[in-house]
């Protein structure tokens, strides 16, 4: 068993999407960006008169000036976080750019009371991404409590985050997360249930943050980063009320390298496919296409009568796979389908096992195919 070490972090920095169009010629107003439900310190939350969790019950038909610019909804207030509101409110939202609000959707809305010649009542320029089934009841209420604390200026833990598997498969427990200050001083904690971790007390300064994981994990990192240097990510701990947040999305991966021999120069093209063996039903394997691509020409000589091709899939989730080749000898006829190790019958195709941090190197020799052969 290999000892854990700091793995290369493949950066996928989460940035707030801020598109602002100045439409003087067209008359289009500036776009109103939305914020993630996880952004408990989003500027609209801190600056708006009202903040609440609401479910859209119905929509009012567009009228006059509201057409293509604002929309009116009836919203059921499930929880008032900032400001007092009735159980049901009429809400006008500026819905001309990002973040479509739909009937039945749940959002954290920020709003202000407006009274002018154009409109009056409760108006929202900003709201969160839709809150769906990815939030448990307990998780959602914990989020609302955190927003309420921020609104009341209660200082939050300095750094919080989670280590989770891709595709919401779950959190990793007992994973060590390190916050290393620029002077070399390190602080460590371990993830708990759900993969969450907390650093309650960190002195102000710049910290590199990373998760200690064995070889084989591909890590994508999102967070409120101050700066980064290559794969290294840094956060700034300051006097802000809000927590800095980091999420490590991880997946065990290996590789598959396929060398293909016996490819004629006059064939149109060859495509390589990896099919994940998702299970079996009625004695047959259930195959789901995961990755595909055209191989590179690695022929030892340009004068050789046949070509050698190679395709290297480098980031393949661990599991069972079947390799399929789509061979087009002539664009006027259907392609030939060939499975590893060299059969036209999918039932006879061999399964390969992708293991963490290991690359499967395989060879397929294509049998003699006529230009009119197809399946």
Protein backbone atom coordinates (compact mmCIF):
# COMPACT_ATOMS: atom_id res chain seq x y z
CA UNK A 1 0.00 0.00 0.00
CA UNK A 2 1.50 3.29 -1.09
CA UNK A 3 1.82 6.05 1.45
CA UNK A 4 -0.37 9.11 0.91
CA UNK A 5 1.30 12.09 -0.63
CA UNK A 6 0.30 15.38 -2.10
CA UNK A 7 -1.11 14.60 -5.50
CA UNK A 8 -1.00 16.95 -8.42
CA UNK A 9 -4.04 19.12 -8.30
CA UNK A 10 -5.71 19.68 -11.63
CA UNK A 11 -7.17 23.12 -11.33
CA UNK A 12 -10.71 23.80 -12.19
CA UNK A 13 -11.12 27.19 -10.60
CA UNK A 14 -14.69 28.10 -9.87
CA UNK A 15 -15.28 31.71 -10.89
CA UNK A 16 -18.48 33.68 -10.54
CA UNK A 17 -19.89 34.16 -14.03
CA UNK A 18 -20.11 37.92 -14.60
CA UNK A 19 -21.27 38.91 -18.08
CA UNK A 20 -22.17 42.56 -18.45
CA UNK A 21 -23.48 43.79 -21.80
CA UNK A 22 -23.81 47.50 -22.41
CA UNK A 23 -26.67 47.68 -24.89
CA UNK A 24 -27.11 51.37 -25.53
CA UNK A 25 -27.77 50.82 -29.20
CA UNK A 26 -30.17 47.93 -28.73
CA UNK A 27 -31.76 49.16 -25.53
CA UNK A 28 -30.77 45.95 -23.68
CA UNK A 29 -30.11 46.53 -19.98
CA UNK A 30 -27.05 45.09 -18.25
CA UNK A 31 -27.18 41.39 -17.42
CA UNK A 32 -27.89 40.42 -13.82
CA UNK A 33 -25.62 37.56 -12.76
CA UNK A 34 -26.81 34.86 -10.38
CA UNK A 35 -24.78 33.25 -7.61
CA UNK A 36 -24.30 29.69 -6.45
CA UNK A 37 -26.38 28.54 -3.50
CA UNK A 38 -23.07 27.67 -1.81
CA UNK A 39 -21.95 31.30 -1.98
CA UNK A 40 -23.26 32.22 1.45
CA UNK A 41 -21.21 35.43 1.39
CA UNK A 42 -22.33 36.59 -2.04
CA UNK A 43 -22.48 40.38 -2.26
CA UNK A 44 -26.27 40.48 -2.95
CA UNK A 45 -26.88 38.56 0.28
CA UNK A 46 -24.99 41.14 2.29
CA UNK A 47 -26.38 44.21 0.54
CA UNK A 48 -30.06 43.40 -0.12
CA UNK A 49 -33.02 44.32 2.07
CA UNK A 50 -34.51 40.81 1.96
CA UNK A 51 -33.00 37.32 1.66
CA UNK A 52 -35.26 34.26 1.62
CA UNK A 53 -35.65 30.69 0.41
CA UNK A 54 -38.61 30.55 -1.92
CA UNK A 55 -40.43 28.24 -4.29
CA UNK A 56 -42.00 29.71 -7.43
CA UNK A 57 -45.71 28.89 -7.42
CA UNK A 58 -46.95 30.66 -10.55
CA UNK A 59 -46.06 33.27 -13.14
CA UNK A 60 -47.97 36.36 -14.18
CA UNK A 61 -48.28 36.95 -17.95
CA UNK A 62 -45.97 39.64 -19.35
CA UNK A 63 -47.45 43.10 -19.54
CA UNK A 64 -46.25 46.19 -21.39
CA UNK A 65 -42.83 47.29 -20.13
CA UNK A 66 -42.29 43.93 -18.45
CA UNK A 67 -42.10 42.08 -21.77
CA UNK A 68 -38.61 40.56 -22.29
CA UNK A 69 -37.21 42.62 -19.42
CA UNK A 70 -38.77 41.58 -16.13
CA UNK A 71 -41.19 38.89 -15.04
CA UNK A 72 -43.63 38.66 -12.19
CA UNK A 73 -43.99 35.54 -10.06
CA UNK A 74 -45.90 34.39 -7.04
CA UNK A 75 -43.36 32.89 -4.64
CA UNK A 76 -43.98 30.80 -1.53
CA UNK A 77 -41.53 31.90 1.16
CA UNK A 78 -40.17 28.76 2.83
CA UNK A 79 -37.71 30.58 5.09
CA UNK A 80 -37.09 34.30 5.69
CA UNK A 81 -33.39 34.83 6.35
CA UNK A 82 -33.19 38.61 6.23
CA UNK A 83 -36.23 40.86 6.60
CA UNK A 84 -39.79 39.78 7.40
CA UNK A 85 -42.07 38.64 4.60
CA UNK A 86 -45.53 37.13 4.24
CA UNK A 87 -45.91 33.43 3.51
CA UNK A 88 -46.59 34.23 -0.16
CA UNK A 89 -45.22 37.26 -2.01
CA UNK A 90 -45.49 38.81 -5.45
CA UNK A 91 -41.97 39.07 -6.79
CA UNK A 92 -40.70 40.85 -9.89
CA UNK A 93 -37.41 39.43 -11.18
CA UNK A 94 -35.15 40.84 -13.88
CA UNK A 95 -34.97 37.77 -16.07
CA UNK A 96 -33.58 39.06 -19.35
CA UNK A 97 -30.12 37.50 -19.24
CA UNK A 98 -28.87 34.75 -16.92
CA UNK A 99 -30.56 32.47 -14.41
CA UNK A 100 -34.01 31.72 -15.75
CA UNK A 101 -36.52 31.40 -12.95
CA UNK A 102 -39.19 28.79 -13.62
CA UNK A 103 -42.43 27.75 -11.97
CA UNK A 104 -41.65 25.00 -9.45
CA UNK A 105 -38.05 26.07 -8.96
CA UNK A 106 -36.53 26.80 -5.54
CA UNK A 107 -33.96 29.54 -5.07
CA UNK A 108 -32.39 31.73 -2.45
CA UNK A 109 -33.73 35.11 -3.52
CA UNK A 110 -32.35 38.52 -2.63
CA UNK A 111 -34.80 41.40 -3.05
CA UNK A 112 -35.50 45.04 -2.29
CA UNK A 113 -38.67 47.11 -1.94
CA UNK A 114 -38.99 49.37 -4.97
CA UNK A 115 -41.41 52.22 -5.66
CA UNK A 116 -40.88 54.28 -8.81
CA UNK A 117 -42.68 55.25 -12.00
CA UNK A 118 -41.67 51.99 -13.69
CA UNK A 119 -42.53 49.41 -11.02
CA UNK A 120 -43.37 48.96 -7.38
CA UNK A 121 -43.23 46.14 -4.86
CA UNK A 122 -40.66 43.45 -4.16
CA UNK A 123 -37.97 43.25 -6.87
CA UNK A 124 -35.11 40.75 -7.23
CA UNK A 125 -32.06 41.39 -9.38
CA UNK A 126 -30.07 38.41 -8.04
CA UNK A 127 -30.96 34.90 -6.98
CA UNK A 128 -29.13 31.64 -6.44
CA UNK A 129 -28.79 28.70 -8.74
CA UNK A 130 -31.76 26.38 -8.44
CA UNK A 131 -31.81 24.24 -5.30
CA UNK A 132 -32.57 20.65 -6.25
CA UNK A 133 -32.42 17.17 -4.80
CA UNK A 134 -28.64 17.36 -4.29
CA UNK A 135 -29.40 19.07 -0.98
CA UNK A 136 -30.70 16.97 1.89
CA UNK A 137 -33.11 18.67 4.26
CA UNK A 138 -30.39 18.88 6.91
CA UNK A 139 -27.83 20.15 4.43
CA UNK A 140 -30.16 22.85 3.17
CA UNK A 141 -31.01 24.12 6.63
CA UNK A 142 -27.34 24.18 7.56
CA UNK A 143 -26.80 26.37 4.50
CA UNK A 144 -29.60 28.72 5.52
CA UNK A 145 -28.25 28.95 9.08
CA UNK A 146 -24.84 29.90 7.67
CA UNK A 147 -26.38 32.62 5.49
CA UNK A 148 -28.28 33.92 8.51
CA UNK A 149 -25.08 34.10 10.53
CA UNK A 150 -23.35 36.01 7.75
CA UNK A 151 -26.24 38.47 7.58
CA UNK A 152 -25.84 39.04 11.33
CA UNK A 153 -22.07 39.55 10.90
CA UNK A 154 -21.19 36.47 12.98
CA UNK A 155 -17.62 35.46 12.17
CA UNK A 156 -17.53 32.08 10.43
CA UNK A 157 -14.81 29.39 10.50
CA UNK A 158 -11.79 30.57 8.58
CA UNK A 159 -11.71 27.72 6.04
CA UNK A 160 -14.29 25.06 5.23
CA UNK A 161 -14.59 22.56 2.42
CA UNK A 162 -15.10 18.99 1.36
CA UNK A 163 -13.42 16.13 -0.45
CA UNK A 164 -15.97 14.41 -2.67
CA UNK A 165 -16.04 11.88 -5.46
CA UNK A 166 -17.04 13.06 -8.91
CA UNK A 167 -20.68 12.76 -9.96
CA UNK A 168 -21.96 13.15 -6.38
CA UNK A 169 -20.86 9.61 -5.52
CA UNK A 170 -20.15 10.63 -1.93
CA UNK A 171 -17.54 12.16 0.33
CA UNK A 172 -14.18 10.70 1.38
CA UNK A 173 -13.83 10.18 5.13
CA UNK A 174 -10.54 10.48 7.07
CA UNK A 175 -8.74 12.26 4.25
CA UNK A 176 -6.07 14.65 5.56
CA UNK A 177 -6.30 18.25 4.33
CA UNK A 178 -3.36 20.60 4.87
CA UNK A 179 -3.24 24.40 5.05
CA UNK A 180 0.40 25.48 4.70
CA UNK A 181 1.23 29.09 5.50
CA UNK A 182 3.84 30.92 3.42
CA UNK A 183 6.36 30.69 6.26
CA UNK A 184 6.10 26.88 6.12
CA UNK A 185 3.90 26.37 9.20
CA UNK A 186 1.33 23.63 8.50
CA UNK A 187 -2.12 22.99 9.92
CA UNK A 188 -3.92 19.71 9.31
CA UNK A 189 -7.38 18.29 9.76
CA UNK A 190 -9.25 15.19 8.57
CA UNK A 191 -12.53 14.93 6.72
CA UNK A 192 -15.60 13.66 8.53
CA UNK A 193 -18.90 12.22 7.33
CA UNK A 194 -19.76 13.48 3.89
CA UNK A 195 -16.15 14.44 3.25
CA UNK A 196 -16.40 17.80 5.02
CA UNK A 197 -13.54 19.55 6.82
CA UNK A 198 -13.21 22.73 8.89
CA UNK A 199 -10.36 24.95 10.02
CA UNK A 200 -11.96 27.06 12.73
CA UNK A 201 -8.94 29.16 13.61
CA UNK A 202 -6.27 30.24 11.15
CA UNK A 203 -4.25 33.41 11.59
CA UNK A 204 -4.46 35.97 8.82
CA UNK A 205 -2.15 35.20 5.93
CA UNK A 206 -1.78 33.32 2.66
CA UNK A 207 -2.07 29.52 2.75
CA UNK A 208 -1.56 26.75 0.23
CA UNK A 209 -4.35 24.19 0.59
CA UNK A 210 -4.15 20.58 -0.60
CA UNK A 211 -5.57 17.13 0.10
CA UNK A 212 -3.27 14.18 0.88
CA UNK A 213 -4.34 11.29 -1.35
CA UNK A 214 -2.62 8.17 -2.72
CA UNK A 215 -1.45 7.91 -6.32
CA UNK A 216 -4.23 7.30 -8.82
CA UNK A 217 -6.55 10.12 -7.79
CA UNK A 218 -7.30 12.85 -10.26
CA UNK A 219 -8.22 15.98 -8.29
CA UNK A 220 -10.17 18.99 -9.47
CA UNK A 221 -10.21 21.95 -7.13
CA UNK A 222 -12.75 24.73 -6.81
CA UNK A 223 -12.65 27.51 -4.27
CA UNK A 224 -12.28 31.15 -3.29
CA UNK A 225 -8.61 31.31 -4.22
CA UNK A 226 -6.39 34.33 -3.77
CA UNK A 227 -3.86 33.16 -6.35
CA UNK A 228 -2.29 30.02 -7.80
CA UNK A 229 1.05 28.85 -9.16
CA UNK A 230 0.61 26.00 -11.61
CA UNK A 231 -1.15 23.24 -9.66
CA UNK A 232 -0.65 24.99 -6.31
CA UNK A 233 -3.66 26.89 -4.95
CA UNK A 234 -3.55 29.62 -2.32
CA UNK A 235 -6.23 31.25 -0.20
CA UNK A 236 -6.09 34.51 1.74
CA UNK A 237 -7.31 34.43 5.33
CA UNK A 238 -8.31 37.93 6.42
CA UNK A 239 -10.74 39.71 8.74
CA UNK A 240 -13.79 38.92 6.61
CA UNK A 241 -16.84 37.53 8.38
CA UNK A 242 -17.15 34.85 5.72
CA UNK A 243 -15.42 31.48 5.46
CA UNK A 244 -13.08 30.75 2.60
CA UNK A 245 -14.21 27.61 0.80
CA UNK A 246 -12.42 24.83 -1.08
CA UNK A 247 -13.86 21.70 -2.70
CA UNK A 248 -11.68 18.82 -3.87
CA UNK A 249 -13.52 16.67 -6.44
CA UNK A 250 -11.61 13.41 -6.82
CA UNK A 251 -11.75 10.27 -8.90
CA UNK A 252 -9.58 7.16 -9.04
CA UNK A 253 -8.21 6.85 -12.56
CA UNK A 254 -5.86 4.81 -14.67
CA UNK A 255 -5.04 4.64 -18.36
CA UNK A 256 -5.52 2.58 -21.50
CA UNK A 257 -3.05 2.57 -24.41
CA UNK A 258 -4.13 0.72 -27.55
CA UNK A 259 -1.70 -0.14 -30.37
CA UNK A 260 -3.48 -1.06 -33.64
CA UNK A 261 -1.64 -3.03 -36.31
CA UNK A 262 -2.63 -4.07 -39.81
CA UNK A 263 -4.23 -0.76 -40.86
CA UNK A 264 -4.23 -0.28 -44.65
CA UNK A 265 -3.19 3.10 -45.99
CA UNK A 266 -6.22 3.37 -48.29
CA UNK A 267 -8.76 3.06 -45.46
CA UNK A 268 -10.70 6.20 -44.65
CA UNK A 269 -10.30 6.24 -40.88
CA UNK A 270 -10.27 4.26 -37.63
CA UNK A 271 -11.94 5.36 -34.39
CA UNK A 272 -11.24 3.89 -30.93
CA UNK A 273 -14.02 3.66 -28.33
CA UNK A 274 -13.93 2.70 -24.65
CA UNK A 275 -17.16 1.22 -23.33
CA UNK A 276 -17.68 0.95 -19.59
CA UNK A 277 -19.19 -2.34 -18.45
CA UNK A 278 -22.01 -0.90 -16.35
CA UNK A 279 -23.48 -4.27 -15.39
CA UNK A 280 -25.21 -7.26 -16.91
CA UNK A 281 -28.80 -8.13 -17.70
CA UNK A 282 -30.06 -11.42 -19.02
CA UNK A 283 -26.54 -12.72 -19.34
CA UNK A 284 -25.45 -9.80 -21.53
CA UNK A 285 -23.11 -7.02 -20.52
CA UNK A 286 -24.49 -3.49 -20.45
CA UNK A 287 -22.01 -1.24 -22.21
CA UNK A 288 -21.93 2.55 -21.87
CA UNK A 289 -19.63 4.57 -24.12
CA UNK A 290 -17.22 6.58 -21.98
CA UNK A 291 -14.37 7.82 -24.16
CA UNK A 292 -13.49 7.83 -27.82
CA UNK A 293 -11.01 9.40 -30.23
CA UNK A 294 -9.00 9.01 -33.40
CA UNK A 295 -5.62 7.33 -32.86
CA UNK A 296 -2.25 8.79 -33.83
CA UNK A 297 -0.13 7.37 -36.65
CA UNK A 298 2.97 5.76 -35.09
CA UNK A 299 4.12 3.77 -38.11
CA UNK A 300 7.86 3.03 -37.95
CA UNK A 301 8.27 3.90 -41.64
CA UNK A 302 6.30 5.99 -44.13
CA UNK A 303 7.07 3.36 -46.80
CA UNK A 304 5.49 0.48 -44.90
CA UNK A 305 2.49 -1.07 -46.71
CA UNK A 306 0.43 -0.94 -43.52
CA UNK A 307 0.12 1.64 -40.79
CA UNK A 308 0.35 1.32 -37.03
CA UNK A 309 -1.94 3.51 -34.94
CA UNK A 310 -1.99 4.25 -31.22
CA UNK A 311 -4.55 5.81 -28.90
CA UNK A 312 -3.70 6.66 -25.30
CA UNK A 313 -6.59 7.38 -22.93
CA UNK A 314 -4.88 8.93 -19.89
CA UNK A 315 -7.68 9.74 -17.46
CA UNK A 316 -9.95 6.70 -17.35
CA UNK A 317 -12.09 6.06 -14.26
CA UNK A 318 -11.30 2.71 -12.65
CA UNK A 319 -13.57 -0.12 -13.69
CA UNK A 320 -14.24 -2.71 -16.41
CA UNK A 321 -14.09 -1.71 -20.08
CA UNK A 322 -14.54 -3.11 -23.58
CA UNK A 323 -12.54 -1.66 -26.49
CA UNK A 324 -14.28 -1.15 -29.82
CA UNK A 325 -12.82 -0.09 -33.15
CA UNK A 326 -14.93 1.56 -35.83
CA UNK A 327 -13.13 0.92 -39.12
CA UNK A 328 -14.22 2.71 -42.29
CA UNK A 329 -12.53 1.13 -45.28
CA UNK A 330 -14.65 3.07 -47.77
CA UNK A 331 -16.92 6.07 -47.03
CA UNK A 332 -19.56 4.61 -49.38
CA UNK A 333 -20.15 1.51 -47.24
CA UNK A 334 -21.03 1.10 -43.54
CA UNK A 335 -18.06 0.71 -41.18
CA UNK A 336 -16.79 -2.53 -39.71
CA UNK A 337 -17.04 -2.89 -35.93
CA UNK A 338 -14.20 -4.79 -34.29
CA UNK A 339 -13.78 -5.55 -30.56
CA UNK A 340 -10.64 -6.31 -28.58
CA UNK A 341 -8.83 -8.70 -28.88
CA UNK A 342 -9.94 -8.91 -32.56
CA UNK A 343 -13.49 -10.20 -32.87
CA UNK A 344 -16.56 -8.97 -34.73
CA UNK A 345 -18.81 -10.48 -32.02
CA UNK A 346 -19.40 -8.18 -29.03
CA UNK A 347 -20.27 -11.23 -26.95
CA UNK A 348 -16.70 -12.49 -27.42
CA UNK A 349 -15.07 -9.18 -26.59
CA UNK A 350 -12.62 -9.29 -23.69
CA UNK A 351 -13.09 -7.00 -20.69
CA UNK A 352 -10.10 -5.10 -19.36
CA UNK A 353 -9.71 -3.79 -15.82
CA UNK A 354 -8.52 -0.24 -15.29
CA UNK A 355 -6.73 0.10 -11.95
CA UNK A 356 -5.60 3.25 -10.11
CA UNK A 357 -2.39 4.85 -11.43
CA UNK A 358 -1.79 2.00 -13.88
CA UNK A 359 -1.89 2.00 -17.69
CA UNK A 360 -3.11 -1.02 -19.66
CA UNK A 361 -1.03 -1.44 -22.83
CA UNK A 362 -2.88 -3.53 -25.41
CA UNK A 363 -2.45 -4.54 -29.04
CA UNK A 364 -5.06 -5.29 -31.68
CA UNK A 365 -4.16 -6.74 -35.06
CA UNK A 366 -6.89 -6.09 -37.60
CA UNK A 367 -7.73 -9.12 -39.71
CA UNK A 368 -7.91 -8.88 -43.52
CA UNK A 369 -10.95 -6.79 -44.43
CA UNK A 370 -12.34 -6.22 -47.88
CA UNK A 371 -13.50 -2.73 -48.89
CA UNK A 372 -17.11 -3.93 -48.91
CA UNK A 373 -17.06 -5.86 -45.62
CA UNK A 374 -19.39 -4.44 -43.00
CA UNK A 375 -21.49 -5.45 -40.05
